[in-house]
């Protein structure tokens, strides 16, 4: 059986966003006060301005860390764990209620489509005191797949 060869595909910003838009499983990496990484599995998407967006709560570690140290990384995974992935580094801003409500509507629309009752959704975001993390990409990629190095393609 032939070996699967790892790939690395360089993409520009539009190519990156095209790759990320249909993928919603991510790992957000922030930095703790002691300098060590904090990894959080999250659901995310891309907003209309080309930022990666992640819903959270103001008291969660990811939100607290991003406020203090806004340089974050996001690993965007494919639905199939063995599928393509990319790491995106960027600058993060954290929005809280009430500023987060309309961006959370955009977040929902871009990930899941239309909500059956937007007023109910807005009320829930306020009641839950939801935050939104917006990551502006500053560097990324390549889009990668796992496998063997090409030099091992024909060896068994």
N, C-alpha and C. Protein backbone atom coordinates (compact mmCIF):
# COMPACT_ATOMS: atom_id res chain seq x y z
N UNK A 1 0.84 -1.18 0.00
CA UNK A 1 0.00 0.00 0.00
C UNK A 1 0.89 1.24 0.00
N UNK A 2 0.61 2.22 -0.88
CA UNK A 2 1.45 3.42 -0.93
C UNK A 2 1.28 4.25 0.34
N UNK A 3 2.36 4.90 0.74
CA UNK A 3 2.33 5.76 1.92
C UNK A 3 1.73 7.11 1.60
N UNK A 4 1.02 7.66 2.55
CA UNK A 4 0.49 9.01 2.41
C UNK A 4 1.62 9.99 2.67
N UNK A 5 1.79 10.92 1.77
CA UNK A 5 2.86 11.91 1.89
C UNK A 5 2.29 13.19 2.49
N UNK A 6 2.98 13.73 3.48
CA UNK A 6 2.59 14.99 4.09
C UNK A 6 2.65 16.11 3.06
N UNK A 7 1.75 17.06 3.17
CA UNK A 7 1.74 18.20 2.26
C UNK A 7 1.75 19.50 3.04
N UNK A 8 2.28 20.53 2.41
CA UNK A 8 2.28 21.90 2.93
C UNK A 8 1.95 22.81 1.76
N UNK A 9 0.82 23.48 1.83
CA UNK A 9 0.37 24.34 0.75
C UNK A 9 0.31 25.78 1.24
N UNK A 10 1.16 26.64 0.69
CA UNK A 10 1.14 28.05 1.05
C UNK A 10 -0.09 28.70 0.44
N UNK A 11 -0.73 29.58 1.22
CA UNK A 11 -1.92 30.29 0.75
C UNK A 11 -1.81 31.76 1.13
N UNK A 12 -2.45 32.60 0.33
CA UNK A 12 -2.55 34.02 0.69
C UNK A 12 -3.71 34.18 1.66
N UNK A 13 -3.98 35.41 2.09
CA UNK A 13 -5.03 35.62 3.08
C UNK A 13 -6.38 35.12 2.59
N UNK A 14 -6.73 35.40 1.34
CA UNK A 14 -8.03 34.94 0.84
C UNK A 14 -8.09 33.41 0.80
N UNK A 15 -6.99 32.77 0.41
CA UNK A 15 -6.93 31.31 0.44
C UNK A 15 -7.05 30.75 1.84
N UNK A 16 -6.44 31.43 2.80
CA UNK A 16 -6.57 31.03 4.20
C UNK A 16 -8.03 31.10 4.64
N UNK A 17 -8.67 32.24 4.39
CA UNK A 17 -10.06 32.41 4.82
C UNK A 17 -10.99 31.43 4.13
N UNK A 18 -10.71 31.13 2.87
CA UNK A 18 -11.50 30.14 2.14
C UNK A 18 -11.35 28.76 2.79
N UNK A 19 -10.14 28.44 3.24
CA UNK A 19 -9.91 27.17 3.93
C UNK A 19 -10.64 27.14 5.27
N UNK A 20 -10.60 28.24 6.03
CA UNK A 20 -11.14 28.26 7.39
C UNK A 20 -12.66 28.31 7.41
N UNK A 21 -13.31 29.04 6.49
CA UNK A 21 -14.77 29.27 6.57
C UNK A 21 -15.60 28.02 6.81
N UNK A 22 -15.39 26.91 6.13
CA UNK A 22 -16.24 25.74 6.38
C UNK A 22 -15.80 24.89 7.58
N UNK A 23 -14.71 25.26 8.23
CA UNK A 23 -14.17 24.47 9.34
C UNK A 23 -14.44 25.22 10.64
N UNK A 24 -15.03 24.54 11.61
CA UNK A 24 -15.41 25.21 12.85
C UNK A 24 -14.77 24.61 14.10
N UNK A 25 -13.99 23.54 13.95
CA UNK A 25 -13.29 22.93 15.08
C UNK A 25 -11.90 23.54 15.15
N UNK A 26 -11.62 24.16 16.29
CA UNK A 26 -10.36 24.90 16.43
C UNK A 26 -9.78 24.67 17.81
N UNK A 27 -8.51 24.98 17.94
CA UNK A 27 -7.86 25.04 19.24
C UNK A 27 -7.27 26.44 19.35
N UNK A 28 -7.74 27.20 20.34
CA UNK A 28 -7.23 28.54 20.60
C UNK A 28 -6.10 28.43 21.61
N UNK A 29 -4.98 29.06 21.31
CA UNK A 29 -3.83 29.04 22.20
C UNK A 29 -3.55 30.47 22.66
N UNK A 30 -3.73 30.70 23.96
CA UNK A 30 -3.42 31.98 24.57
C UNK A 30 -2.22 31.77 25.49
N UNK A 31 -1.76 32.85 26.09
CA UNK A 31 -0.61 32.77 26.98
C UNK A 31 -1.02 33.11 28.40
N UNK A 32 -0.70 32.22 29.32
CA UNK A 32 -0.98 32.44 30.74
C UNK A 32 -0.03 33.51 31.30
N UNK A 33 -0.33 33.98 32.50
CA UNK A 33 0.50 34.99 33.15
C UNK A 33 1.95 34.53 33.33
N UNK A 34 2.15 33.21 33.51
CA UNK A 34 3.51 32.70 33.71
C UNK A 34 4.24 32.44 32.39
N UNK A 35 3.60 32.78 31.26
CA UNK A 35 4.23 32.62 29.95
C UNK A 35 3.98 31.29 29.28
N UNK A 36 3.34 30.39 29.97
CA UNK A 36 3.06 29.07 29.37
C UNK A 36 1.77 29.13 28.57
N UNK A 37 1.65 28.23 27.58
CA UNK A 37 0.45 28.25 26.73
C UNK A 37 -0.79 27.70 27.44
N UNK A 38 -1.93 28.23 27.07
CA UNK A 38 -3.25 27.74 27.50
C UNK A 38 -3.98 27.33 26.23
N UNK A 39 -4.28 26.06 26.05
CA UNK A 39 -4.97 25.57 24.85
C UNK A 39 -6.42 25.29 25.19
N UNK A 40 -7.32 25.78 24.35
CA UNK A 40 -8.75 25.60 24.56
C UNK A 40 -9.40 25.10 23.27
N UNK A 41 -10.03 23.92 23.29
CA UNK A 41 -10.80 23.51 22.11
C UNK A 41 -12.03 24.41 22.02
N UNK A 42 -12.29 24.95 20.83
CA UNK A 42 -13.38 25.91 20.64
C UNK A 42 -14.08 25.65 19.31
N UNK A 43 -15.26 26.24 19.20
CA UNK A 43 -15.96 26.32 17.92
C UNK A 43 -15.76 27.74 17.42
N UNK A 44 -15.43 27.90 16.16
CA UNK A 44 -15.18 29.23 15.64
C UNK A 44 -15.59 29.36 14.19
N UNK A 45 -15.35 30.54 13.66
CA UNK A 45 -15.69 30.83 12.27
C UNK A 45 -14.92 32.03 11.79
N UNK A 46 -15.40 32.61 10.71
CA UNK A 46 -14.80 33.80 10.10
C UNK A 46 -15.89 34.85 9.99
N UNK A 47 -15.59 36.08 10.44
CA UNK A 47 -16.59 37.13 10.33
C UNK A 47 -16.50 37.81 8.96
N UNK A 48 -17.38 38.77 8.74
CA UNK A 48 -17.45 39.44 7.44
C UNK A 48 -16.22 40.28 7.14
N UNK A 49 -15.40 40.56 8.16
CA UNK A 49 -14.18 41.36 7.98
C UNK A 49 -12.93 40.49 7.89
N UNK A 50 -13.10 39.17 7.82
CA UNK A 50 -11.96 38.27 7.65
C UNK A 50 -11.22 37.97 8.94
N UNK A 51 -11.87 38.13 10.08
CA UNK A 51 -11.26 37.77 11.36
C UNK A 51 -11.81 36.43 11.81
N UNK A 52 -10.98 35.64 12.49
CA UNK A 52 -11.45 34.41 13.11
C UNK A 52 -12.20 34.81 14.37
N UNK A 53 -13.37 34.23 14.58
CA UNK A 53 -14.22 34.61 15.71
C UNK A 53 -14.58 33.38 16.54
N UNK A 54 -14.57 33.59 17.86
CA UNK A 54 -14.80 32.52 18.81
C UNK A 54 -15.69 33.07 19.92
N UNK A 55 -16.76 32.37 20.21
CA UNK A 55 -17.67 32.75 21.28
C UNK A 55 -17.14 32.23 22.61
N UNK A 56 -17.28 33.03 23.66
CA UNK A 56 -16.78 32.63 24.97
C UNK A 56 -17.54 33.37 26.06
N UNK A 57 -17.00 33.37 27.24
CA UNK A 57 -17.53 34.10 28.39
C UNK A 57 -16.40 34.94 28.98
N UNK A 58 -16.74 36.09 29.55
CA UNK A 58 -15.70 37.01 30.03
C UNK A 58 -14.79 36.40 31.09
N UNK A 59 -15.28 35.44 31.89
CA UNK A 59 -14.45 34.90 32.98
C UNK A 59 -13.63 33.67 32.59
N UNK A 60 -13.77 33.18 31.36
CA UNK A 60 -13.01 32.01 30.93
C UNK A 60 -11.54 32.36 30.74
N UNK A 61 -10.66 31.38 30.95
CA UNK A 61 -9.22 31.61 30.83
C UNK A 61 -8.84 32.19 29.48
N UNK A 62 -9.46 31.69 28.42
CA UNK A 62 -9.11 32.18 27.08
C UNK A 62 -9.39 33.67 26.95
N UNK A 63 -10.51 34.12 27.50
CA UNK A 63 -10.87 35.53 27.43
C UNK A 63 -9.95 36.38 28.29
N UNK A 64 -9.71 35.94 29.52
CA UNK A 64 -8.84 36.67 30.43
C UNK A 64 -7.42 36.78 29.87
N UNK A 65 -6.90 35.66 29.36
CA UNK A 65 -5.54 35.67 28.80
C UNK A 65 -5.45 36.58 27.58
N UNK A 66 -6.44 36.50 26.69
CA UNK A 66 -6.40 37.30 25.46
C UNK A 66 -6.49 38.80 25.75
N UNK A 67 -7.20 39.17 26.80
CA UNK A 67 -7.26 40.59 27.18
C UNK A 67 -5.89 41.12 27.59
N UNK A 68 -5.17 40.30 28.35
CA UNK A 68 -3.87 40.73 28.88
C UNK A 68 -2.73 40.56 27.88
N UNK A 69 -2.82 39.50 27.07
CA UNK A 69 -1.78 39.18 26.09
C UNK A 69 -2.48 38.82 24.78
N UNK A 70 -2.76 39.82 23.95
CA UNK A 70 -3.64 39.62 22.79
C UNK A 70 -3.01 38.86 21.61
N UNK A 71 -1.75 38.50 21.69
CA UNK A 71 -1.16 37.70 20.61
C UNK A 71 -1.53 36.24 20.87
N UNK A 72 -2.32 35.67 19.97
CA UNK A 72 -2.83 34.30 20.14
C UNK A 72 -2.54 33.49 18.88
N UNK A 73 -2.74 32.20 19.00
CA UNK A 73 -2.68 31.30 17.85
C UNK A 73 -3.95 30.47 17.83
N UNK A 74 -4.41 30.14 16.63
CA UNK A 74 -5.58 29.29 16.46
C UNK A 74 -5.20 28.18 15.49
N UNK A 75 -5.37 26.93 15.92
CA UNK A 75 -5.18 25.79 15.03
C UNK A 75 -6.56 25.41 14.53
N UNK A 76 -6.74 25.49 13.21
CA UNK A 76 -8.01 25.18 12.58
C UNK A 76 -7.92 23.76 12.04
N UNK A 77 -8.83 22.90 12.51
CA UNK A 77 -8.81 21.48 12.15
C UNK A 77 -9.93 21.15 11.17
N UNK A 78 -9.73 20.11 10.39
CA UNK A 78 -10.79 19.58 9.55
C UNK A 78 -11.70 18.69 10.39
N UNK A 79 -12.91 18.43 9.91
CA UNK A 79 -13.82 17.54 10.63
C UNK A 79 -13.20 16.17 10.84
N UNK A 80 -12.47 15.69 9.83
CA UNK A 80 -11.72 14.45 9.94
C UNK A 80 -10.39 14.80 10.60
N UNK A 81 -10.13 14.24 11.78
CA UNK A 81 -8.92 14.60 12.52
C UNK A 81 -7.66 14.45 11.67
N UNK A 82 -7.65 13.51 10.74
CA UNK A 82 -6.49 13.31 9.88
C UNK A 82 -6.47 14.23 8.67
N UNK A 83 -7.44 15.13 8.57
CA UNK A 83 -7.52 16.01 7.42
C UNK A 83 -6.60 17.22 7.53
N UNK A 84 -6.72 18.11 6.58
CA UNK A 84 -5.87 19.30 6.52
C UNK A 84 -6.13 20.22 7.71
N UNK A 85 -5.10 20.98 8.07
CA UNK A 85 -5.18 21.92 9.19
C UNK A 85 -4.25 23.09 8.91
N UNK A 86 -4.42 24.14 9.68
CA UNK A 86 -3.54 25.30 9.55
C UNK A 86 -3.45 26.01 10.90
N UNK A 87 -2.29 26.57 11.18
CA UNK A 87 -2.13 27.42 12.37
C UNK A 87 -2.16 28.87 11.92
N UNK A 88 -2.96 29.66 12.62
CA UNK A 88 -3.09 31.09 12.34
C UNK A 88 -2.65 31.85 13.59
N UNK A 89 -1.70 32.75 13.43
CA UNK A 89 -1.29 33.63 14.53
C UNK A 89 -1.94 34.98 14.30
N UNK A 90 -2.33 35.65 15.38
CA UNK A 90 -2.96 36.93 15.19
C UNK A 90 -3.12 37.72 16.47
N UNK A 91 -3.71 38.89 16.29
CA UNK A 91 -4.00 39.80 17.39
C UNK A 91 -5.47 39.67 17.74
N UNK A 92 -5.75 39.49 19.03
CA UNK A 92 -7.11 39.21 19.48
C UNK A 92 -7.68 40.40 20.25
N UNK A 93 -8.93 40.70 19.96
CA UNK A 93 -9.68 41.63 20.79
C UNK A 93 -10.86 40.87 21.38
N UNK A 94 -11.22 41.23 22.60
CA UNK A 94 -12.32 40.57 23.30
C UNK A 94 -13.45 41.58 23.47
N UNK A 95 -14.62 41.24 22.95
CA UNK A 95 -15.80 42.09 23.09
C UNK A 95 -16.74 41.47 24.12
N UNK A 96 -17.28 42.30 25.00
CA UNK A 96 -18.25 41.85 25.99
C UNK A 96 -19.59 42.53 25.73
N UNK A 97 -20.63 42.00 26.35
CA UNK A 97 -21.96 42.60 26.28
C UNK A 97 -21.85 44.04 26.79
N UNK A 98 -22.43 45.03 26.17
CA UNK A 98 -23.37 44.93 25.06
C UNK A 98 -22.71 44.96 23.67
N UNK A 99 -21.40 45.33 23.61
CA UNK A 99 -20.73 45.44 22.31
C UNK A 99 -20.66 44.12 21.56
N UNK A 100 -20.71 42.99 22.26
CA UNK A 100 -20.57 41.69 21.61
C UNK A 100 -21.84 41.19 20.93
N UNK A 101 -23.00 41.76 21.24
CA UNK A 101 -24.26 41.15 20.82
C UNK A 101 -24.39 41.09 19.29
N UNK A 102 -24.26 42.20 18.60
CA UNK A 102 -24.41 42.16 17.14
C UNK A 102 -23.29 41.36 16.47
N UNK A 103 -22.02 41.48 16.92
CA UNK A 103 -21.00 40.58 16.36
C UNK A 103 -21.29 39.10 16.61
N UNK A 104 -21.96 38.77 17.74
CA UNK A 104 -22.35 37.38 17.98
C UNK A 104 -23.44 36.93 17.01
N UNK A 105 -24.32 37.85 16.62
CA UNK A 105 -25.32 37.54 15.60
C UNK A 105 -24.60 37.20 14.29
N UNK A 106 -23.62 38.01 13.91
CA UNK A 106 -22.84 37.75 12.68
C UNK A 106 -22.10 36.42 12.80
N UNK A 107 -21.52 36.15 13.97
CA UNK A 107 -20.83 34.88 14.23
C UNK A 107 -21.78 33.70 13.97
N UNK A 108 -22.97 33.76 14.57
CA UNK A 108 -23.94 32.67 14.40
C UNK A 108 -24.31 32.52 12.93
N UNK A 109 -24.63 33.62 12.26
CA UNK A 109 -25.02 33.55 10.84
C UNK A 109 -23.93 32.91 9.99
N UNK A 110 -22.68 33.29 10.23
CA UNK A 110 -21.59 32.78 9.41
C UNK A 110 -21.27 31.32 9.68
N UNK A 111 -21.63 30.82 10.85
CA UNK A 111 -21.36 29.42 11.17
C UNK A 111 -22.57 28.53 10.90
N UNK A 112 -23.76 29.00 11.33
CA UNK A 112 -24.93 28.13 11.31
C UNK A 112 -26.10 28.62 10.47
N UNK A 113 -26.01 29.83 9.92
CA UNK A 113 -27.13 30.34 9.12
C UNK A 113 -28.09 31.17 9.96
N UNK A 114 -29.32 31.19 9.55
CA UNK A 114 -30.31 32.03 10.22
C UNK A 114 -30.87 31.35 11.47
N UNK A 115 -31.06 32.15 12.50
CA UNK A 115 -31.67 31.69 13.75
C UNK A 115 -33.18 31.86 13.62
N UNK A 116 -33.99 30.98 14.21
CA UNK A 116 -35.44 31.12 14.08
C UNK A 116 -36.02 32.34 14.81
N UNK A 117 -35.28 32.88 15.79
CA UNK A 117 -35.78 34.03 16.55
C UNK A 117 -34.59 34.86 17.03
N UNK A 118 -34.24 35.88 16.23
CA UNK A 118 -33.06 36.68 16.53
C UNK A 118 -33.20 37.46 17.84
N UNK A 119 -34.38 37.92 18.16
CA UNK A 119 -34.55 38.64 19.42
C UNK A 119 -34.30 37.72 20.61
N UNK A 120 -34.79 36.48 20.52
CA UNK A 120 -34.52 35.50 21.56
C UNK A 120 -33.01 35.24 21.67
N UNK A 121 -32.34 35.11 20.54
CA UNK A 121 -30.89 34.88 20.52
C UNK A 121 -30.17 36.05 21.20
N UNK A 122 -30.53 37.28 20.82
CA UNK A 122 -29.90 38.46 21.43
C UNK A 122 -30.11 38.49 22.94
N UNK A 123 -31.33 38.21 23.38
CA UNK A 123 -31.62 38.17 24.82
C UNK A 123 -30.75 37.12 25.52
N UNK A 124 -30.62 35.96 24.90
CA UNK A 124 -29.82 34.89 25.49
C UNK A 124 -28.34 35.30 25.59
N UNK A 125 -27.83 35.99 24.59
CA UNK A 125 -26.43 36.43 24.63
C UNK A 125 -26.22 37.42 25.78
N UNK A 126 -27.19 38.31 26.00
CA UNK A 126 -27.10 39.27 27.11
C UNK A 126 -27.23 38.54 28.44
N UNK A 127 -28.23 37.66 28.57
CA UNK A 127 -28.44 36.93 29.83
C UNK A 127 -27.23 36.06 30.19
N UNK A 128 -26.60 35.47 29.17
CA UNK A 128 -25.44 34.61 29.40
C UNK A 128 -24.14 35.41 29.53
N UNK A 129 -24.23 36.72 29.27
CA UNK A 129 -23.06 37.61 29.35
C UNK A 129 -21.94 37.10 28.44
N UNK A 130 -22.31 36.81 27.19
CA UNK A 130 -21.37 36.22 26.23
C UNK A 130 -20.35 37.24 25.73
N UNK A 131 -19.17 36.73 25.46
CA UNK A 131 -18.08 37.50 24.88
C UNK A 131 -17.77 36.94 23.50
N UNK A 132 -17.10 37.75 22.70
CA UNK A 132 -16.65 37.31 21.39
C UNK A 132 -15.18 37.66 21.24
N UNK A 133 -14.38 36.67 20.89
CA UNK A 133 -12.97 36.90 20.60
C UNK A 133 -12.82 37.04 19.10
N UNK A 134 -12.18 38.12 18.66
CA UNK A 134 -11.94 38.36 17.23
C UNK A 134 -10.44 38.38 17.00
N UNK A 135 -9.98 37.48 16.15
CA UNK A 135 -8.55 37.34 15.88
C UNK A 135 -8.26 37.82 14.47
N UNK A 136 -7.46 38.88 14.37
CA UNK A 136 -7.02 39.39 13.07
C UNK A 136 -5.75 38.63 12.69
N UNK A 137 -5.78 37.84 11.60
CA UNK A 137 -4.59 37.07 11.21
C UNK A 137 -3.41 37.99 10.87
N UNK A 138 -2.24 37.67 11.43
CA UNK A 138 -1.02 38.39 11.11
C UNK A 138 -0.02 37.49 10.39
N UNK A 139 -0.10 36.18 10.62
CA UNK A 139 0.69 35.20 9.85
C UNK A 139 0.01 33.85 9.99
N UNK A 140 0.34 32.94 9.06
CA UNK A 140 -0.36 31.65 9.04
C UNK A 140 0.36 30.66 8.16
N UNK A 141 -0.12 29.44 8.31
CA UNK A 141 0.14 28.35 7.40
C UNK A 141 1.57 27.91 7.32
N UNK A 142 1.76 27.01 6.44
CA UNK A 142 0.91 26.58 5.34
C UNK A 142 -0.25 25.68 5.80
N UNK A 143 -1.20 25.48 4.89
CA UNK A 143 -2.24 24.48 5.10
C UNK A 143 -1.53 23.12 4.95
N UNK A 144 -1.66 22.28 5.96
CA UNK A 144 -0.87 21.06 6.01
C UNK A 144 -1.74 19.82 6.14
N UNK A 145 -1.18 18.71 5.69
CA UNK A 145 -1.74 17.39 5.96
C UNK A 145 -0.63 16.53 6.52
N UNK A 146 -1.00 15.56 7.33
CA UNK A 146 -0.01 14.68 7.91
C UNK A 146 0.39 13.57 6.97
N UNK A 147 1.41 12.87 7.33
CA UNK A 147 1.89 11.74 6.53
C UNK A 147 3.40 11.64 6.61
N UNK A 148 3.93 10.84 5.71
CA UNK A 148 5.37 10.63 5.67
C UNK A 148 6.06 11.74 4.90
N UNK A 149 7.32 12.03 5.20
CA UNK A 149 8.10 12.94 4.36
C UNK A 149 8.20 12.33 2.95
N UNK A 150 8.27 13.18 1.93
CA UNK A 150 8.31 12.70 0.55
C UNK A 150 9.48 11.74 0.32
N UNK A 151 10.59 11.93 1.02
CA UNK A 151 11.76 11.06 0.83
C UNK A 151 11.48 9.60 1.19
N UNK A 152 10.40 9.35 1.93
CA UNK A 152 10.05 7.98 2.33
C UNK A 152 8.92 7.39 1.50
N UNK A 153 8.51 8.08 0.44
CA UNK A 153 7.34 7.68 -0.35
C UNK A 153 7.44 6.24 -0.88
N UNK A 154 8.57 5.86 -1.38
CA UNK A 154 8.68 4.55 -2.02
C UNK A 154 9.34 3.50 -1.13
N UNK A 155 9.69 3.86 0.08
CA UNK A 155 10.33 2.88 0.98
C UNK A 155 9.26 2.12 1.76
N UNK A 156 9.55 0.86 2.03
CA UNK A 156 8.61 0.05 2.82
C UNK A 156 9.33 -0.72 3.85
